Amino acid sequence: MTSHPPRHAEPGDHHALVLLTARVVGTAQVGVRTRIGVGVLVRMPGDIVRRIAVTGLSASRAKHVLTLRLANRGNVTSG
């Protein structure tokens, strides 16, 4: 199996799904088809940037809750 990422793919981690499909070929009485999906992590070469930014902080006194909002400013999506 080979893959060919797009030319504009950025460096870093990218999630991908590989679908494998099999089916009966011939004159079977009942057609059977099976599909299996496998999640893969593709790492494109280049500089890896790990950067998290705080984009907001709010408080709810009534519920005693602090909400911190973060944004991924880098190119790594999983660890």
N, C-alpha and C. Protein backbone atom coordinates (compact mmCIF):
# COMPACT_ATOMS: atom_id res chain seq x y z
N MET A 1 0.84 -1.16 0.00
CA MET A 1 0.00 0.00 0.00
C MET A 1 0.90 1.23 0.00
N THR A 2 0.57 2.18 -0.82
CA THR A 2 1.31 3.44 -0.85
C THR A 2 0.31 4.59 -0.77
N SER A 3 0.83 5.73 -0.35
CA SER A 3 -0.02 6.92 -0.32
C SER A 3 0.76 8.08 -0.92
N HIS A 4 0.02 9.02 -1.41
CA HIS A 4 0.62 10.20 -2.02
C HIS A 4 -0.07 11.43 -1.45
N PRO A 5 0.54 12.03 -0.42
CA PRO A 5 -0.09 13.23 0.15
C PRO A 5 -0.09 14.38 -0.85
N PRO A 6 -1.03 15.30 -0.71
CA PRO A 6 -1.06 16.44 -1.62
C PRO A 6 0.22 17.27 -1.52
N ARG A 7 0.57 17.93 -2.59
CA ARG A 7 1.81 18.73 -2.60
C ARG A 7 1.76 19.87 -1.60
N HIS A 8 0.56 20.37 -1.30
CA HIS A 8 0.44 21.50 -0.39
C HIS A 8 0.28 21.08 1.07
N ALA A 9 0.46 19.79 1.38
CA ALA A 9 0.33 19.31 2.76
C ALA A 9 1.38 19.99 3.64
N GLU A 10 0.94 20.55 4.75
CA GLU A 10 1.84 21.26 5.65
C GLU A 10 2.57 20.28 6.55
N PRO A 11 3.75 20.68 7.06
CA PRO A 11 4.47 19.83 8.01
C PRO A 11 3.63 19.61 9.26
N GLY A 12 3.89 18.50 9.91
CA GLY A 12 3.18 18.21 11.15
C GLY A 12 2.35 16.94 11.05
N ASP A 13 1.46 16.77 12.02
CA ASP A 13 0.65 15.57 12.13
C ASP A 13 -0.72 15.78 11.48
N HIS A 14 -1.18 14.76 10.79
CA HIS A 14 -2.48 14.80 10.13
C HIS A 14 -3.17 13.46 10.35
N HIS A 15 -4.45 13.50 10.70
CA HIS A 15 -5.23 12.27 10.86
C HIS A 15 -5.76 11.86 9.50
N ALA A 16 -5.77 10.55 9.26
CA ALA A 16 -6.29 10.02 8.00
C ALA A 16 -7.05 8.73 8.30
N LEU A 17 -7.94 8.37 7.41
CA LEU A 17 -8.71 7.14 7.54
C LEU A 17 -8.45 6.29 6.31
N VAL A 18 -8.01 5.05 6.53
CA VAL A 18 -7.80 4.10 5.45
C VAL A 18 -8.97 3.14 5.45
N LEU A 19 -9.68 3.06 4.34
CA LEU A 19 -10.82 2.14 4.20
C LEU A 19 -10.39 0.93 3.38
N LEU A 20 -10.59 -0.25 3.95
CA LEU A 20 -10.29 -1.50 3.26
C LEU A 20 -11.63 -2.17 2.94
N THR A 21 -11.84 -2.48 1.68
CA THR A 21 -13.10 -3.08 1.25
C THR A 21 -12.82 -4.41 0.57
N ALA A 22 -13.59 -5.43 0.93
CA ALA A 22 -13.48 -6.74 0.30
C ALA A 22 -14.88 -7.20 -0.08
N ARG A 23 -14.99 -7.90 -1.20
CA ARG A 23 -16.27 -8.45 -1.60
C ARG A 23 -16.05 -9.78 -2.31
N VAL A 24 -17.07 -10.59 -2.29
CA VAL A 24 -17.02 -11.89 -2.94
C VAL A 24 -17.12 -11.68 -4.45
N VAL A 25 -16.24 -12.34 -5.18
CA VAL A 25 -16.25 -12.26 -6.63
C VAL A 25 -16.66 -13.64 -7.16
N GLY A 26 -17.54 -13.67 -8.08
CA GLY A 26 -17.96 -14.95 -8.65
C GLY A 26 -19.46 -15.08 -8.66
N THR A 27 -19.94 -16.32 -8.58
CA THR A 27 -21.36 -16.59 -8.69
C THR A 27 -21.96 -17.03 -7.35
N ALA A 28 -21.57 -16.40 -6.30
CA ALA A 28 -22.12 -16.75 -4.99
C ALA A 28 -23.61 -16.41 -4.94
N GLN A 29 -24.36 -17.19 -4.17
CA GLN A 29 -25.79 -16.96 -4.03
C GLN A 29 -26.08 -15.66 -3.27
N VAL A 30 -25.23 -15.37 -2.31
CA VAL A 30 -25.41 -14.17 -1.49
C VAL A 30 -24.15 -13.32 -1.60
N GLY A 31 -24.33 -12.07 -2.00
CA GLY A 31 -23.18 -11.17 -2.10
C GLY A 31 -22.80 -10.65 -0.73
N VAL A 32 -21.53 -10.72 -0.41
CA VAL A 32 -21.05 -10.24 0.88
C VAL A 32 -19.97 -9.20 0.63
N ARG A 33 -20.10 -8.09 1.32
CA ARG A 33 -19.08 -7.04 1.22
C ARG A 33 -18.71 -6.60 2.62
N THR A 34 -17.44 -6.46 2.87
CA THR A 34 -16.95 -6.06 4.18
C THR A 34 -16.10 -4.81 4.03
N ARG A 35 -16.28 -3.86 4.95
CA ARG A 35 -15.47 -2.65 4.93
C ARG A 35 -14.92 -2.42 6.34
N ILE A 36 -13.63 -2.19 6.43
CA ILE A 36 -12.97 -1.91 7.70
C ILE A 36 -12.24 -0.58 7.57
N GLY A 37 -12.43 0.28 8.56
CA GLY A 37 -11.74 1.57 8.59
C GLY A 37 -10.65 1.57 9.64
N VAL A 38 -9.49 2.03 9.27
CA VAL A 38 -8.35 2.10 10.18
C VAL A 38 -7.86 3.54 10.24
N GLY A 39 -7.87 4.10 11.44
CA GLY A 39 -7.36 5.45 11.61
C GLY A 39 -5.85 5.45 11.70
N VAL A 40 -5.20 6.34 10.98
CA VAL A 40 -3.74 6.43 10.99
C VAL A 40 -3.33 7.88 11.22
N LEU A 41 -2.15 8.04 11.74
CA LEU A 41 -1.57 9.36 11.94
C LEU A 41 -0.42 9.51 10.95
N VAL A 42 -0.50 10.52 10.11
CA VAL A 42 0.52 10.77 9.08
C VAL A 42 1.33 11.97 9.51
N ARG A 43 2.64 11.81 9.59
CA ARG A 43 3.52 12.93 9.95
C ARG A 43 4.28 13.37 8.71
N MET A 44 4.00 14.60 8.29
CA MET A 44 4.68 15.17 7.14
C MET A 44 6.00 15.79 7.60
N PRO A 45 7.04 15.64 6.81
CA PRO A 45 8.34 16.20 7.20
C PRO A 45 8.31 17.72 7.23
N GLY A 46 9.18 18.27 8.03
CA GLY A 46 9.30 19.72 8.16
C GLY A 46 9.37 20.11 9.62
N ASP A 47 9.38 21.39 9.87
CA ASP A 47 9.47 21.89 11.24
C ASP A 47 8.17 21.62 11.99
N ILE A 48 8.30 21.00 13.17
CA ILE A 48 7.16 20.73 14.04
C ILE A 48 7.03 21.92 14.99
N VAL A 49 5.83 22.49 15.05
CA VAL A 49 5.57 23.65 15.89
C VAL A 49 4.54 23.27 16.95
N ARG A 50 4.94 23.36 18.23
CA ARG A 50 4.01 23.13 19.34
C ARG A 50 3.76 24.48 20.00
N ARG A 51 2.54 25.00 19.78
CA ARG A 51 2.20 26.30 20.33
C ARG A 51 0.73 26.32 20.72
N ILE A 52 0.47 26.57 21.98
CA ILE A 52 -0.90 26.69 22.50
C ILE A 52 -1.09 28.14 22.93
N ALA A 53 -2.22 28.73 22.57
CA ALA A 53 -2.52 30.11 22.94
C ALA A 53 -3.79 30.15 23.78
N VAL A 54 -3.76 30.98 24.81
CA VAL A 54 -4.96 31.22 25.61
C VAL A 54 -5.80 32.25 24.87
N THR A 55 -7.04 31.87 24.54
CA THR A 55 -7.90 32.78 23.78
C THR A 55 -9.02 33.37 24.62
N GLY A 56 -9.15 32.91 25.83
CA GLY A 56 -10.20 33.48 26.67
C GLY A 56 -10.28 32.82 28.03
N LEU A 57 -10.82 33.58 28.98
CA LEU A 57 -11.05 33.08 30.33
C LEU A 57 -12.33 33.73 30.83
N SER A 58 -13.25 32.91 31.33
CA SER A 58 -14.48 33.46 31.88
C SER A 58 -14.80 32.74 33.19
N ALA A 59 -15.59 33.41 34.01
CA ALA A 59 -15.95 32.85 35.31
C ALA A 59 -17.46 32.93 35.51
N SER A 60 -17.98 31.93 36.17
CA SER A 60 -19.38 31.92 36.57
C SER A 60 -19.42 31.77 38.08
N ARG A 61 -19.72 32.86 38.77
CA ARG A 61 -19.78 32.81 40.23
C ARG A 61 -20.90 31.91 40.71
N ALA A 62 -22.04 31.95 40.00
CA ALA A 62 -23.19 31.15 40.43
C ALA A 62 -22.88 29.65 40.40
N LYS A 63 -22.10 29.22 39.41
CA LYS A 63 -21.79 27.79 39.27
C LYS A 63 -20.40 27.43 39.80
N HIS A 64 -19.63 28.44 40.23
CA HIS A 64 -18.25 28.22 40.71
C HIS A 64 -17.40 27.51 39.64
N VAL A 65 -17.46 28.06 38.42
CA VAL A 65 -16.77 27.45 37.29
C VAL A 65 -15.90 28.48 36.60
N LEU A 66 -14.66 28.09 36.29
CA LEU A 66 -13.77 28.87 35.43
C LEU A 66 -13.68 28.15 34.09
N THR A 67 -13.82 28.89 33.00
CA THR A 67 -13.70 28.31 31.67
C THR A 67 -12.51 28.94 30.97
N LEU A 68 -11.54 28.10 30.60
CA LEU A 68 -10.33 28.54 29.91
C LEU A 68 -10.42 28.05 28.47
N ARG A 69 -10.32 28.98 27.51
CA ARG A 69 -10.35 28.62 26.10
C ARG A 69 -8.93 28.65 25.53
N LEU A 70 -8.59 27.57 24.82
CA LEU A 70 -7.26 27.42 24.23
C LEU A 70 -7.37 27.24 22.73
N ALA A 71 -6.33 27.59 22.01
CA ALA A 71 -6.27 27.38 20.56
C ALA A 71 -4.93 26.78 20.20
N ASN A 72 -4.95 25.81 19.30
CA ASN A 72 -3.72 25.20 18.79
C ASN A 72 -3.18 26.08 17.68
N ARG A 73 -2.09 26.76 17.93
CA ARG A 73 -1.46 27.64 16.93
C ARG A 73 -0.28 26.95 16.24
N GLY A 74 -0.06 25.70 16.58
CA GLY A 74 1.04 24.93 15.96
C GLY A 74 0.50 24.00 14.89
N ASN A 75 1.32 23.00 14.54
CA ASN A 75 0.90 22.05 13.51
C ASN A 75 0.88 20.61 14.01
N VAL A 76 0.83 20.41 15.33
CA VAL A 76 0.73 19.08 15.93
C VAL A 76 -0.68 18.92 16.48
N THR A 77 -1.36 17.84 16.06
CA THR A 77 -2.73 17.65 16.50
C THR A 77 -2.90 16.55 17.52
N SER A 78 -1.88 15.76 17.78
CA SER A 78 -1.96 14.71 18.82
C SER A 78 -0.56 14.47 19.36
N GLY A 79 -0.53 13.84 20.51
CA GLY A 79 0.76 13.64 21.17
C GLY A 79 1.20 12.25 21.10
